[in-house]
Each structure stands twice: as structure tokens, then as C-alpha cells.
Amino acid sequence: MNQSLSNEKPIFQQIRERIEDAILDEILMPEDRIPSTNEFAKEYQINPATAGKGVNELVDKGIIYKKRGVGMFVSADARSILIEERKESFFFNYIEPLKNEATRLGISEEELNNMLRRG
């Protein structure tokens, strides 16, 4: 997870997405410990509160959990939660606009299905 941060998105969001991507790519597995907010802060030269904001969003979703005095760990359901979230996001970001444009261009459902199979 040690890539530099960009200016395109808020830092806490980038921290959250990097943890999510590591879970989806199975770099982080259930019950793996994730770096602490202080470790993120040191690695990326950011305020620990900023890292904490991204991490706490994942705690709120049940993707990671805290073990008091030990650290934060990936939950057993983390990957399936993230896959469902990303599928929903994929639908709204890609499928709906695709269908809207297909309708606008007069592309039938069958033609669209054929295009998807061809692609």
C-alpha cells in the first residue's frame, strides 16, 4: 500500500480505497492486521486524524474491526461487502449510463447484448 497520494481526491478517501483494494485483491485477508493510523500517518506524511477518518469509515461498514489494545483487523465478510458495494457502484456508474445512451441511439436490448458479448 505504499504508493504516493494524489491531489485528485481527499487523502482519507485514498487511504480507505487503498485498504479496500488490498482486500479485494486478496493482499489483505480476513483477520489480517491493517496498519495503524499512526503507521499510515508516518508512511504518507499526513495527520493521523486524516488516516483515522478513512479507517473509521471502514469500521462503520463492518469491513474492518478494532481489537482493543491490539489494532485493527480485516473482518471475515470484508471482501463480500466490498464486492457488493462495487457491483452497485458499477451499475450506477457504467450500466445505467450505457443503457441511457443505447436508448438515445435507438440500440435495441438484443443489439446491446450482442455488443457486450463482442466487447
PDB file of N, CA and C in Angstrom:
ATOM      1  N   MET A   1       0.811  -1.200   0.000  1.00  0.00           N
ATOM      2  CA  MET A   1       0.000   0.000   0.000  1.00  0.00           C
ATOM      3  C   MET A   1       0.848   1.255   0.000  1.00  0.00           C
ATOM      4  N   ASN A   2       2.122   1.142  -0.289  1.00  0.00           N
ATOM      5  CA  ASN A   2       2.992   2.311  -0.172  1.00  0.00           C
ATOM      6  C   ASN A   2       3.193   3.037  -1.498  1.00  0.00           C
ATOM      7  N   GLN A   3       2.095   3.552  -2.062  1.00  0.00           N
ATOM      8  CA  GLN A   3       2.177   4.399  -3.239  1.00  0.00           C
ATOM      9  C   GLN A   3       1.946   5.825  -2.764  1.00  0.00           C
ATOM     10  N   SER A   4       2.416   6.773  -3.549  1.00  0.00           N
ATOM     11  CA  SER A   4       2.210   8.154  -3.119  1.00  0.00           C
ATOM     12  C   SER A   4       0.746   8.559  -3.308  1.00  0.00           C
ATOM     13  N   LEU A   5       0.347   9.573  -2.580  1.00  0.00           N
ATOM     14  CA  LEU A   5      -1.021  10.060  -2.646  1.00  0.00           C
ATOM     15  C   LEU A   5      -1.118  11.133  -3.721  1.00  0.00           C
ATOM     16  N   SER A   6      -2.303  11.245  -4.334  1.00  0.00           N
ATOM     17  CA  SER A   6      -2.502  12.258  -5.370  1.00  0.00           C
ATOM     18  C   SER A   6      -3.281  13.441  -4.797  1.00  0.00           C
ATOM     19  N   ASN A   7      -3.400  14.468  -5.564  1.00  0.00           N
ATOM     20  CA  ASN A   7      -4.182  15.638  -5.161  1.00  0.00           C
ATOM     21  C   ASN A   7      -5.596  15.587  -5.713  1.00  0.00           C
ATOM     22  N   GLU A   8      -5.939  14.500  -6.407  1.00  0.00           N
ATOM     23  CA  GLU A   8      -7.232  14.408  -7.081  1.00  0.00           C
ATOM     24  C   GLU A   8      -8.394  14.096  -6.147  1.00  0.00           C
ATOM     25  N   LYS A   9      -8.117  13.425  -5.036  1.00  0.00           N
ATOM     26  CA  LYS A   9      -9.171  13.021  -4.103  1.00  0.00           C
ATOM     27  C   LYS A   9      -8.726  13.381  -2.694  1.00  0.00           C
ATOM     28  N   PRO A  10      -9.684  13.492  -1.767  1.00  0.00           N
ATOM     29  CA  PRO A  10      -9.290  13.696  -0.372  1.00  0.00           C
ATOM     30  C   PRO A  10      -8.404  12.544   0.123  1.00  0.00           C
ATOM     31  N   ILE A  11      -7.461  12.862   0.966  1.00  0.00           N
ATOM     32  CA  ILE A  11      -6.487  11.881   1.438  1.00  0.00           C
ATOM     33  C   ILE A  11      -7.159  10.738   2.185  1.00  0.00           C
ATOM     34  N   PHE A  12      -8.143  11.064   3.052  1.00  0.00           N
ATOM     35  CA  PHE A  12      -8.795   9.986   3.808  1.00  0.00           C
ATOM     36  C   PHE A  12      -9.485   9.000   2.867  1.00  0.00           C
ATOM     37  N   GLN A  13     -10.015   9.508   1.757  1.00  0.00           N
ATOM     38  CA  GLN A  13     -10.682   8.645   0.776  1.00  0.00           C
ATOM     39  C   GLN A  13      -9.664   7.730   0.090  1.00  0.00           C
ATOM     40  N   GLN A  14      -8.477   8.255  -0.202  1.00  0.00           N
ATOM     41  CA  GLN A  14      -7.427   7.446  -0.825  1.00  0.00           C
ATOM     42  C   GLN A  14      -6.951   6.346   0.123  1.00  0.00           C
ATOM     43  N   ILE A  15      -6.831   6.684   1.403  1.00  0.00           N
ATOM     44  CA  ILE A  15      -6.427   5.681   2.398  1.00  0.00           C
ATOM     45  C   ILE A  15      -7.479   4.569   2.434  1.00  0.00           C
ATOM     46  N   ARG A  16      -8.756   4.975   2.518  1.00  0.00           N
ATOM     47  CA  ARG A  16      -9.848   3.998   2.555  1.00  0.00           C
ATOM     48  C   ARG A  16      -9.837   3.111   1.301  1.00  0.00           C
ATOM     49  N   GLU A  17      -9.689   3.719   0.124  1.00  0.00           N
ATOM     50  CA  GLU A  17      -9.704   2.959  -1.127  1.00  0.00           C
ATOM     51  C   GLU A  17      -8.506   2.008  -1.238  1.00  0.00           C
ATOM     52  N   ARG A  18      -7.378   2.406  -0.705  1.00  0.00           N
ATOM     53  CA  ARG A  18      -6.200   1.518  -0.767  1.00  0.00           C
ATOM     54  C   ARG A  18      -6.402   0.276   0.095  1.00  0.00           C
ATOM     55  N   ILE A  19      -7.005   0.482   1.244  1.00  0.00           N
ATOM     56  CA  ILE A  19      -7.300  -0.680   2.094  1.00  0.00           C
ATOM     57  C   ILE A  19      -8.339  -1.558   1.393  1.00  0.00           C
ATOM     58  N   GLU A  20      -9.380  -0.931   0.840  1.00  0.00           N
ATOM     59  CA  GLU A  20     -10.414  -1.695   0.122  1.00  0.00           C
ATOM     60  C   GLU A  20      -9.801  -2.484  -1.035  1.00  0.00           C
ATOM     61  N   ASP A  21      -8.959  -1.830  -1.827  1.00  0.00           N
ATOM     62  CA  ASP A  21      -8.343  -2.509  -2.968  1.00  0.00           C
ATOM     63  C   ASP A  21      -7.464  -3.674  -2.514  1.00  0.00           C
ATOM     64  N   ALA A  22      -6.741  -3.495  -1.422  1.00  0.00           N
ATOM     65  CA  ALA A  22      -5.886  -4.573  -0.905  1.00  0.00           C
ATOM     66  C   ALA A  22      -6.736  -5.769  -0.463  1.00  0.00           C
ATOM     67  N   ILE A  23      -7.922  -5.479   0.073  1.00  0.00           N
ATOM     68  CA  ILE A  23      -8.829  -6.570   0.478  1.00  0.00           C
ATOM     69  C   ILE A  23      -9.403  -7.245  -0.763  1.00  0.00           C
ATOM     70  N   LEU A  24      -9.861  -6.459  -1.734  1.00  0.00           N
ATOM     71  CA  LEU A  24     -10.426  -7.031  -2.961  1.00  0.00           C
ATOM     72  C   LEU A  24      -9.386  -7.848  -3.725  1.00  0.00           C
ATOM     73  N   ASP A  25      -8.137  -7.390  -3.734  1.00  0.00           N
ATOM     74  CA  ASP A  25      -7.066  -8.097  -4.450  1.00  0.00           C
ATOM     75  C   ASP A  25      -6.462  -9.233  -3.617  1.00  0.00           C
ATOM     76  N   GLU A  26      -7.034  -9.443  -2.446  1.00  0.00           N
ATOM     77  CA  GLU A  26      -6.604 -10.504  -1.523  1.00  0.00           C
ATOM     78  C   GLU A  26      -5.152 -10.360  -1.072  1.00  0.00           C
ATOM     79  N   ILE A  27      -4.701  -9.113  -1.045  1.00  0.00           N
ATOM     80  CA  ILE A  27      -3.409  -8.820  -0.428  1.00  0.00           C
ATOM     81  C   ILE A  27      -3.616  -8.825   1.092  1.00  0.00           C
ATOM     82  N   LEU A  28      -4.756  -8.265   1.517  1.00  0.00           N
ATOM     83  CA  LEU A  28      -5.184  -8.357   2.914  1.00  0.00           C
ATOM     84  C   LEU A  28      -6.292  -9.397   2.989  1.00  0.00           C
ATOM     85  N   MET A  29      -6.138 -10.340   3.865  1.00  0.00           N
ATOM     86  CA  MET A  29      -7.103 -11.436   4.027  1.00  0.00           C
ATOM     87  C   MET A  29      -7.844 -11.265   5.357  1.00  0.00           C
ATOM     88  N   PRO A  30      -8.982 -11.985   5.502  1.00  0.00           N
ATOM     89  CA  PRO A  30      -9.695 -11.910   6.784  1.00  0.00           C
ATOM     90  C   PRO A  30      -8.750 -12.189   7.959  1.00  0.00           C
ATOM     91  N   GLU A  31      -8.920 -11.403   8.985  1.00  0.00           N
ATOM     92  CA  GLU A  31      -8.144 -11.464  10.230  1.00  0.00           C
ATOM     93  C   GLU A  31      -6.729 -10.918  10.097  1.00  0.00           C
ATOM     94  N   ASP A  32      -6.351 -10.409   8.933  1.00  0.00           N
ATOM     95  CA  ASP A  32      -5.055  -9.729   8.811  1.00  0.00           C
ATOM     96  C   ASP A  32      -5.137  -8.387   9.533  1.00  0.00           C
ATOM     97  N   ARG A  33      -4.056  -8.018  10.160  1.00  0.00           N
ATOM     98  CA  ARG A  33      -3.974  -6.713  10.820  1.00  0.00           C
ATOM     99  C   ARG A  33      -3.667  -5.666   9.766  1.00  0.00           C
ATOM    100  N   ILE A  34      -4.362  -4.526   9.831  1.00  0.00           N
ATOM    101  CA  ILE A  34      -4.040  -3.427   8.922  1.00  0.00           C
ATOM    102  C   ILE A  34      -3.139  -2.444   9.655  1.00  0.00           C
ATOM    103  N   PRO A  35      -2.393  -1.630   8.910  1.00  0.00           N
ATOM    104  CA  PRO A  35      -1.534  -0.649   9.588  1.00  0.00           C
ATOM    105  C   PRO A  35      -2.362   0.289  10.463  1.00  0.00           C
ATOM    106  N   SER A  36      -1.777   0.760  11.529  1.00  0.00           N
ATOM    107  CA  SER A  36      -2.464   1.702  12.417  1.00  0.00           C
ATOM    108  C   SER A  36      -2.540   3.077  11.755  1.00  0.00           C
ATOM    109  N   THR A  37      -3.369   3.937  12.314  1.00  0.00           N
ATOM    110  CA  THR A  37      -3.450   5.300  11.767  1.00  0.00           C
ATOM    111  C   THR A  37      -2.101   6.010  11.890  1.00  0.00           C
ATOM    112  N   ASN A  38      -1.364   5.722  12.956  1.00  0.00           N
ATOM    113  CA  ASN A  38      -0.034   6.324  13.095  1.00  0.00           C
ATOM    114  C   ASN A  38       0.940   5.795  12.050  1.00  0.00           C
ATOM    115  N   GLU A  39       0.812   4.512  11.716  1.00  0.00           N
ATOM    116  CA  GLU A  39       1.672   3.956  10.662  1.00  0.00           C
ATOM    117  C   GLU A  39       1.337   4.574   9.304  1.00  0.00           C
ATOM    118  N   PHE A  40       0.027   4.739   9.019  1.00  0.00           N
ATOM    119  CA  PHE A  40      -0.366   5.420   7.779  1.00  0.00           C
ATOM    120  C   PHE A  40       0.163   6.851   7.771  1.00  0.00           C
ATOM    121  N   ALA A  41       0.012   7.527   8.915  1.00  0.00           N
ATOM    122  CA  ALA A  41       0.453   8.922   9.010  1.00  0.00           C
ATOM    123  C   ALA A  41       1.953   9.045   8.745  1.00  0.00           C
ATOM    124  N   LYS A  42       2.719   8.122   9.306  1.00  0.00           N
ATOM    125  CA  LYS A  42       4.173   8.157   9.114  1.00  0.00           C
ATOM    126  C   LYS A  42       4.539   7.850   7.660  1.00  0.00           C
ATOM    127  N   GLU A  43       3.894   6.823   7.086  1.00  0.00           N
ATOM    128  CA  GLU A  43       4.209   6.408   5.719  1.00  0.00           C
ATOM    129  C   GLU A  43       3.882   7.501   4.705  1.00  0.00           C
ATOM    130  N   TYR A  44       2.724   8.153   4.868  1.00  0.00           N
ATOM    131  CA  TYR A  44       2.288   9.141   3.879  1.00  0.00           C
ATOM    132  C   TYR A  44       2.533  10.585   4.316  1.00  0.00           C
ATOM    133  N   GLN A  45       3.147  10.755   5.487  1.00  0.00           N
ATOM    134  CA  GLN A  45       3.437  12.109   5.996  1.00  0.00           C
ATOM    135  C   GLN A  45       2.145  12.936   6.097  1.00  0.00           C
ATOM    136  N   ILE A  46       1.151  12.347   6.755  1.00  0.00           N
ATOM    137  CA  ILE A  46      -0.136  13.020   6.935  1.00  0.00           C
ATOM    138  C   ILE A  46      -0.493  13.021   8.414  1.00  0.00           C
ATOM    139  N   ASN A  47      -1.535  13.766   8.738  1.00  0.00           N
ATOM    140  CA  ASN A  47      -2.036  13.812  10.108  1.00  0.00           C
ATOM    141  C   ASN A  47      -2.716  12.473  10.448  1.00  0.00           C
ATOM    142  N   PRO A  48      -2.428  11.897  11.623  1.00  0.00           N
ATOM    143  CA  PRO A  48      -3.089  10.629  11.991  1.00  0.00           C
ATOM    144  C   PRO A  48      -4.617  10.719  11.966  1.00  0.00           C
ATOM    145  N   ALA A  49      -5.171  11.900  12.258  1.00  0.00           N
ATOM    146  CA  ALA A  49      -6.635  12.055  12.233  1.00  0.00           C
ATOM    147  C   ALA A  49      -7.182  11.877  10.817  1.00  0.00           C
ATOM    148  N   THR A  50      -6.413  12.292   9.826  1.00  0.00           N
ATOM    149  CA  THR A  50      -6.836  12.133   8.427  1.00  0.00           C
ATOM    150  C   THR A  50      -6.876  10.651   8.073  1.00  0.00           C
ATOM    151  N   ALA A  51      -5.836   9.928   8.443  1.00  0.00           N
ATOM    152  CA  ALA A  51      -5.829   8.474   8.195  1.00  0.00           C
ATOM    153  C   ALA A  51      -6.965   7.820   8.965  1.00  0.00           C
ATOM    154  N   GLY A  52      -7.180   8.288  10.189  1.00  0.00           N
ATOM    155  CA  GLY A  52      -8.239   7.721  11.025  1.00  0.00           C
ATOM    156  C   GLY A  52      -9.615   7.884  10.411  1.00  0.00           C
ATOM    157  N   LYS A  53      -9.839   8.993   9.732  1.00  0.00           N
ATOM    158  CA  LYS A  53     -11.144   9.214   9.094  1.00  0.00           C
ATOM    159  C   LYS A  53     -11.419   8.142   8.042  1.00  0.00           C
ATOM    160  N   GLY A  54     -10.430   7.820   7.220  1.00  0.00           N
ATOM    161  CA  GLY A  54     -10.598   6.774   6.201  1.00  0.00           C
ATOM    162  C   GLY A  54     -10.778   5.400   6.825  1.00  0.00           C
ATOM    163  N   VAL A  55      -9.995   5.121   7.850  1.00  0.00           N
ATOM    164  CA  VAL A  55     -10.076   3.828   8.527  1.00  0.00           C
ATOM    165  C   VAL A  55     -11.420   3.675   9.236  1.00  0.00           C
ATOM    166  N   ASN A  56     -11.869   4.737   9.885  1.00  0.00           N
ATOM    167  CA  ASN A  56     -13.139   4.651  10.619  1.00  0.00           C
ATOM    168  C   ASN A  56     -14.342   4.437   9.705  1.00  0.00           C
ATOM    169  N   GLU A  57     -14.265   4.926   8.476  1.00  0.00           N
ATOM    170  CA  GLU A  57     -15.356   4.644   7.527  1.00  0.00           C
ATOM    171  C   GLU A  57     -15.458   3.139   7.273  1.00  0.00           C
ATOM    172  N   LEU A  58     -14.315   2.478   7.228  1.00  0.00           N
ATOM    173  CA  LEU A  58     -14.311   1.026   7.012  1.00  0.00           C
ATOM    174  C   LEU A  58     -14.809   0.279   8.247  1.00  0.00           C
ATOM    175  N   VAL A  59     -14.512   0.826   9.415  1.00  0.00           N
ATOM    176  CA  VAL A  59     -15.030   0.241  10.657  1.00  0.00           C
ATOM    177  C   VAL A  59     -16.551   0.361  10.666  1.00  0.00           C
ATOM    178  N   ASP A  60     -17.063   1.528  10.285  1.00  0.00           N
ATOM    179  CA  ASP A  60     -18.518   1.759  10.275  1.00  0.00           C
ATOM    180  C   ASP A  60     -19.246   0.806   9.333  1.00  0.00           C
ATOM    181  N   LYS A  61     -18.590   0.391   8.257  1.00  0.00           N
ATOM    182  CA  LYS A  61     -19.205  -0.523   7.284  1.00  0.00           C
ATOM    183  C   LYS A  61     -19.019  -1.987   7.663  1.00  0.00           C
ATOM    184  N   GLY A  62     -18.258  -2.265   8.700  1.00  0.00           N
ATOM    185  CA  GLY A  62     -18.016  -3.649   9.103  1.00  0.00           C
ATOM    186  C   GLY A  62     -16.944  -4.335   8.285  1.00  0.00           C
ATOM    187  N   ILE A  63     -16.160  -3.562   7.556  1.00  0.00           N
ATOM    188  CA  ILE A  63     -15.101  -4.126   6.722  1.00  0.00           C
ATOM    189  C   ILE A  63     -13.858  -4.428   7.561  1.00  0.00           C
ATOM    190  N   ILE A  64     -13.581  -3.579   8.507  1.00  0.00           N
ATOM    191  CA  ILE A  64     -12.521  -3.862   9.470  1.00  0.00           C
ATOM    192  C   ILE A  64     -13.093  -3.678  10.871  1.00  0.00           C
ATOM    193  N   TYR A  65     -12.427  -4.253  11.838  1.00  0.00           N
ATOM    194  CA  TYR A  65     -12.882  -4.110  13.215  1.00  0.00           C
ATOM    195  C   TYR A  65     -11.685  -3.887  14.129  1.00  0.00           C
ATOM    196  N   LYS A  66     -11.993  -3.289  15.280  1.00  0.00           N
ATOM    197  CA  LYS A  66     -10.941  -2.963  16.245  1.00  0.00           C
ATOM    198  C   LYS A  66     -10.873  -4.026  17.319  1.00  0.00           C
ATOM    199  N   LYS A  67      -9.649  -4.425  17.646  1.00  0.00           N
ATOM    200  CA  LYS A  67      -9.413  -5.245  18.835  1.00  0.00           C
ATOM    201  C   LYS A  67      -8.713  -4.324  19.802  1.00  0.00           C
ATOM    202  N   ARG A  68      -9.399  -4.011  20.857  1.00  0.00           N
ATOM    203  CA  ARG A  68      -8.877  -3.041  21.814  1.00  0.00           C
ATOM    204  C   ARG A  68      -7.458  -3.394  22.275  1.00  0.00           C
ATOM    205  N   GLY A  69      -6.575  -2.432  22.111  1.00  0.00           N
ATOM    206  CA  GLY A  69      -5.200  -2.599  22.541  1.00  0.00           C
ATOM    207  C   GLY A  69      -4.333  -3.419  21.610  1.00  0.00           C
ATOM    208  N   VAL A  70      -4.907  -3.941  20.551  1.00  0.00           N
ATOM    209  CA  VAL A  70      -4.143  -4.793  19.629  1.00  0.00           C
ATOM    210  C   VAL A  70      -4.017  -4.153  18.250  1.00  0.00           C
ATOM    211  N   GLY A  71      -5.128  -3.575  17.734  1.00  0.00           N
ATOM    212  CA  GLY A  71      -5.094  -2.957  16.409  1.00  0.00           C
ATOM    213  C   GLY A  71      -6.387  -3.173  15.659  1.00  0.00           C
ATOM    214  N   MET A  72      -6.312  -2.983  14.366  1.00  0.00           N
ATOM    215  CA  MET A  72      -7.489  -3.148  13.501  1.00  0.00           C
ATOM    216  C   MET A  72      -7.247  -4.310  12.555  1.00  0.00           C
ATOM    217  N   PHE A  73      -8.322  -5.055  12.302  1.00  0.00           N
ATOM    218  CA  PHE A  73      -8.206  -6.282  11.528  1.00  0.00           C
ATOM    219  C   PHE A  73      -9.306  -6.355  10.462  1.00  0.00           C
ATOM    220  N   VAL A  74      -9.026  -7.097   9.419  1.00  0.00           N
ATOM    221  CA  VAL A  74      -9.985  -7.297   8.336  1.00  0.00           C
ATOM    222  C   VAL A  74     -11.050  -8.277   8.818  1.00  0.00           C
ATOM    223  N   SER A  75     -12.316  -7.899   8.624  1.00  0.00           N
ATOM    224  CA  SER A  75     -13.406  -8.787   9.064  1.00  0.00           C
ATOM    225  C   SER A  75     -13.574  -9.966   8.093  1.00  0.00           C
ATOM    226  N   ALA A  76     -14.245 -10.994   8.558  1.00  0.00           N
ATOM    227  CA  ALA A  76     -14.452 -12.194   7.741  1.00  0.00           C
ATOM    228  C   ALA A  76     -15.269 -11.896   6.485  1.00  0.00           C
ATOM    229  N   ASP A  77     -16.210 -10.945   6.572  1.00  0.00           N
ATOM    230  CA  ASP A  77     -17.092 -10.630   5.443  1.00  0.00           C
ATOM    231  C   ASP A  77     -16.605  -9.449   4.607  1.00  0.00           C
ATOM    232  N   ALA A  78     -15.432  -8.941   4.884  1.00  0.00           N
ATOM    233  CA  ALA A  78     -14.963  -7.710   4.245  1.00  0.00           C
ATOM    234  C   ALA A  78     -15.016  -7.778   2.721  1.00  0.00           C
ATOM    235  N   ARG A  79     -14.485  -8.839   2.166  1.00  0.00           N
ATOM    236  CA  ARG A  79     -14.398  -8.920   0.700  1.00  0.00           C
ATOM    237  C   ARG A  79     -15.783  -8.981   0.071  1.00  0.00           C
ATOM    238  N   SER A  80     -16.685  -9.763   0.641  1.00  0.00           N
ATOM    239  CA  SER A  80     -18.030  -9.867   0.060  1.00  0.00           C
ATOM    240  C   SER A  80     -18.790  -8.546   0.207  1.00  0.00           C
ATOM    241  N   ILE A  81     -18.594  -7.823   1.309  1.00  0.00           N
ATOM    242  CA  ILE A  81     -19.220  -6.497   1.472  1.00  0.00           C
ATOM    243  C   ILE A  81     -18.714  -5.555   0.383  1.00  0.00           C
ATOM    244  N   LEU A  82     -17.401  -5.561   0.170  1.00  0.00           N
ATOM    245  CA  LEU A  82     -16.814  -4.664  -0.830  1.00  0.00           C
ATOM    246  C   LEU A  82     -17.250  -5.024  -2.239  1.00  0.00           C
ATOM    247  N   ILE A  83     -17.332  -6.306  -2.535  1.00  0.00           N
ATOM    248  CA  ILE A  83     -17.773  -6.726  -3.875  1.00  0.00           C
ATOM    249  C   ILE A  83     -19.200  -6.253  -4.138  1.00  0.00           C
ATOM    250  N   GLU A  84     -20.079  -6.403  -3.157  1.00  0.00           N
ATOM    251  CA  GLU A  84     -21.460  -5.935  -3.342  1.00  0.00           C
ATOM    252  C   GLU A  84     -21.512  -4.419  -3.524  1.00  0.00           C
ATOM    253  N   GLU A  85     -20.736  -3.686  -2.741  1.00  0.00           N
ATOM    254  CA  GLU A  85     -20.695  -2.227  -2.895  1.00  0.00           C
ATOM    255  C   GLU A  85     -20.183  -1.825  -4.267  1.00  0.00           C
ATOM    256  N   ARG A  86     -19.136  -2.483  -4.710  1.00  0.00           N
ATOM    257  CA  ARG A  86     -18.551  -2.130  -6.017  1.00  0.00           C
ATOM    258  C   ARG A  86     -19.462  -2.528  -7.167  1.00  0.00           C
ATOM    259  N   LYS A  87     -20.199  -3.634  -7.011  1.00  0.00           N
ATOM    260  CA  LYS A  87     -21.167  -4.021  -8.046  1.00  0.00           C
ATOM    261  C   LYS A  87     -22.256  -2.965  -8.168  1.00  0.00           C
ATOM    262  N   GLU A  88     -22.740  -2.486  -7.026  1.00  0.00           N
ATOM    263  CA  GLU A  88     -23.769  -1.455  -7.034  1.00  0.00           C
ATOM    264  C   GLU A  88     -23.224  -0.172  -7.675  1.00  0.00           C
ATOM    265  N   SER A  89     -22.010   0.184  -7.330  1.00  0.00           N
ATOM    266  CA  SER A  89     -21.371   1.352  -7.911  1.00  0.00           C
ATOM    267  C   SER A  89     -21.166   1.170  -9.419  1.00  0.00           C
ATOM    268  N   PHE A  90     -20.774  -0.026  -9.821  1.00  0.00           N
ATOM    269  CA  PHE A  90     -20.578  -0.339 -11.238  1.00  0.00           C
ATOM    270  C   PHE A  90     -21.882  -0.148 -12.002  1.00  0.00           C
ATOM    271  N   PHE A  91     -22.973  -0.601 -11.428  1.00  0.00           N
ATOM    272  CA  PHE A  91     -24.273  -0.457 -12.084  1.00  0.00           C
ATOM    273  C   PHE A  91     -24.601   1.024 -12.312  1.00  0.00           C
ATOM    274  N   PHE A  92     -24.476   1.834 -11.250  1.00  0.00           N
ATOM    275  CA  PHE A  92     -24.843   3.250 -11.372  1.00  0.00           C
ATOM    276  C   PHE A  92     -23.853   4.056 -12.214  1.00  0.00           C
ATOM    277  N   ASN A  93     -22.578   3.681 -12.176  1.00  0.00           N
ATOM    278  CA  ASN A  93     -21.569   4.447 -12.911  1.00  0.00           C
ATOM    279  C   ASN A  93     -21.416   4.030 -14.370  1.00  0.00           C
ATOM    280  N   TYR A  94     -21.738   2.758 -14.681  1.00  0.00           N
ATOM    281  CA  TYR A  94     -21.486   2.271 -16.040  1.00  0.00           C
ATOM    282  C   TYR A  94     -22.742   1.737 -16.739  1.00  0.00           C
ATOM    283  N   ILE A  95     -23.490   0.879 -16.075  1.00  0.00           N
ATOM    284  CA  ILE A  95     -24.619   0.221 -16.738  1.00  0.00           C
ATOM    285  C   ILE A  95     -25.745   1.213 -17.026  1.00  0.00           C
ATOM    286  N   GLU A  96     -26.138   1.999 -16.045  1.00  0.00           N
ATOM    287  CA  GLU A  96     -27.218   2.972 -16.282  1.00  0.00           C
ATOM    288  C   GLU A  96     -26.869   3.960 -17.387  1.00  0.00           C
ATOM    289  N   PRO A  97     -25.681   4.575 -17.355  1.00  0.00           N
ATOM    290  CA  PRO A  97     -25.336   5.483 -18.465  1.00  0.00           C
ATOM    291  C   PRO A  97     -25.275   4.758 -19.811  1.00  0.00           C
ATOM    292  N   LEU A  98     -24.807   3.515 -19.808  1.00  0.00           N
ATOM    293  CA  LEU A  98     -24.751   2.718 -21.035  1.00  0.00           C
ATOM    294  C   LEU A  98     -26.154   2.494 -21.595  1.00  0.00           C
ATOM    295  N   LYS A  99     -27.082   2.097 -20.729  1.00  0.00           N
ATOM    296  CA  LYS A  99     -28.453   1.865 -21.173  1.00  0.00           C
ATOM    297  C   LYS A  99     -29.107   3.166 -21.650  1.00  0.00           C
ATOM    298  N   ASN A 100     -28.852   4.244 -20.942  1.00  0.00           N
ATOM    299  CA  ASN A 100     -29.416   5.531 -21.359  1.00  0.00           C
ATOM    300  C   ASN A 100     -28.908   5.953 -22.735  1.00  0.00           C
ATOM    301  N   GLU A 101     -27.622   5.775 -22.964  1.00  0.00           N
ATOM    302  CA  GLU A 101     -27.049   6.137 -24.268  1.00  0.00           C
ATOM    303  C   GLU A 101     -27.564   5.195 -25.351  1.00  0.00           C
ATOM    304  N   ALA A 102     -27.689   3.925 -25.036  1.00  0.00           N
ATOM    305  CA  ALA A 102     -28.220   2.963 -26.010  1.00  0.00           C
ATOM    306  C   ALA A 102     -29.647   3.341 -26.400  1.00  0.00           C
ATOM    307  N   THR A 103     -30.442   3.720 -25.427  1.00  0.00           N
ATOM    308  CA  THR A 103     -31.818   4.142 -25.710  1.00  0.00           C
ATOM    309  C   THR A 103     -31.816   5.377 -26.593  1.00  0.00           C
ATOM    310  N   ARG A 104     -30.959   6.312 -26.261  1.00  0.00           N
ATOM    311  CA  ARG A 104     -30.849   7.554 -27.037  1.00  0.00           C
ATOM    312  C   ARG A 104     -30.466   7.293 -28.486  1.00  0.00           C
ATOM    313  N   LEU A 105     -29.633   6.275 -28.713  1.00  0.00           N
ATOM    314  CA  LEU A 105     -29.173   5.949 -30.062  1.00  0.00           C
ATOM    315  C   LEU A 105     -30.078   4.945 -30.762  1.00  0.00           C
ATOM    316  N   GLY A 106     -31.118   4.490 -30.084  1.00  0.00           N
ATOM    317  CA  GLY A 106     -32.046   3.539 -30.687  1.00  0.00           C
ATOM    318  C   GLY A 106     -31.486   2.128 -30.774  1.00  0.00           C
ATOM    319  N   ILE A 107     -30.548   1.794 -29.903  1.00  0.00           N
ATOM    320  CA  ILE A 107     -29.963   0.455 -29.888  1.00  0.00           C
ATOM    321  C   ILE A 107     -30.888  -0.443 -29.090  1.00  0.00           C
ATOM    322  N   SER A 108     -31.312  -1.545 -29.704  1.00  0.00           N
ATOM    323  CA  SER A 108     -32.215  -2.470 -29.023  1.00  0.00           C
ATOM    324  C   SER A 108     -31.459  -3.244 -27.944  1.00  0.00           C
ATOM    325  N   GLU A 109     -32.209  -3.870 -27.048  1.00  0.00           N
ATOM    326  CA  GLU A 109     -31.590  -4.667 -25.989  1.00  0.00           C
ATOM    327  C   GLU A 109     -30.771  -5.805 -26.579  1.00  0.00           C
ATOM    328  N   GLU A 110     -31.308  -6.426 -27.659  1.00  0.00           N
ATOM    329  CA  GLU A 110     -30.579  -7.520 -28.307  1.00  0.00           C
ATOM    330  C   GLU A 110     -29.267  -7.021 -28.918  1.00  0.00           C
ATOM    331  N   GLU A 111     -29.327  -5.870 -29.586  1.00  0.00           N
ATOM    332  CA  GLU A 111     -28.100  -5.304 -30.160  1.00  0.00           C
ATOM    333  C   GLU A 111     -27.087  -4.981 -29.064  1.00  0.00           C
ATOM    334  N   LEU A 112     -27.584  -4.425 -27.977  1.00  0.00           N
ATOM    335  CA  LEU A 112     -26.700  -4.070 -26.867  1.00  0.00           C
ATOM    336  C   LEU A 112     -26.052  -5.324 -26.269  1.00  0.00           C
ATOM    337  N   ASN A 113     -26.858  -6.372 -26.089  1.00  0.00           N
ATOM    338  CA  ASN A 113     -26.308  -7.637 -25.574  1.00  0.00           C
ATOM    339  C   ASN A 113     -25.244  -8.187 -26.508  1.00  0.00           C
ATOM    340  N   ASN A 114     -25.509  -8.113 -27.833  1.00  0.00           N
ATOM    341  CA  ASN A 114     -24.516  -8.589 -28.804  1.00  0.00           C
ATOM    342  C   ASN A 114     -23.230  -7.771 -28.717  1.00  0.00           C
ATOM    343  N   MET A 115     -23.377  -6.471 -28.544  1.00  0.00           N
ATOM    344  CA  MET A 115     -22.195  -5.609 -28.419  1.00  0.00           C
ATOM    345  C   MET A 115     -21.391  -5.971 -27.170  1.00  0.00           C
ATOM    346  N   LEU A 116     -22.097  -6.244 -26.076  1.00  0.00           N
ATOM    347  CA  LEU A 116     -21.405  -6.606 -24.832  1.00  0.00           C
ATOM    348  C   LEU A 116     -20.668  -7.930 -24.978  1.00  0.00           C
ATOM    349  N   ARG A 117     -21.288  -8.882 -25.649  1.00  0.00           N
ATOM    350  CA  ARG A 117     -20.618 -10.179 -25.858  1.00  0.00           C
ATOM    351  C   ARG A 117     -19.400 -10.026 -26.756  1.00  0.00           C
ATOM    352  N   ARG A 118     -19.510  -9.133 -27.751  1.00  0.00           N
ATOM    353  CA  ARG A 118     -18.421  -8.903 -28.694  1.00  0.00           C
ATOM    354  C   ARG A 118     -17.243  -8.181 -28.033  1.00  0.00           C
ATOM    355  N   GLY A 119     -17.558  -7.329 -27.057  1.00  0.00           N
ATOM    356  CA  GLY A 119     -16.533  -6.483 -26.426  1.00  0.00           C
ATOM    357  C   GLY A 119     -15.606  -7.174 -25.499  1.00  0.00           C
TER     358      GLY A 119
END
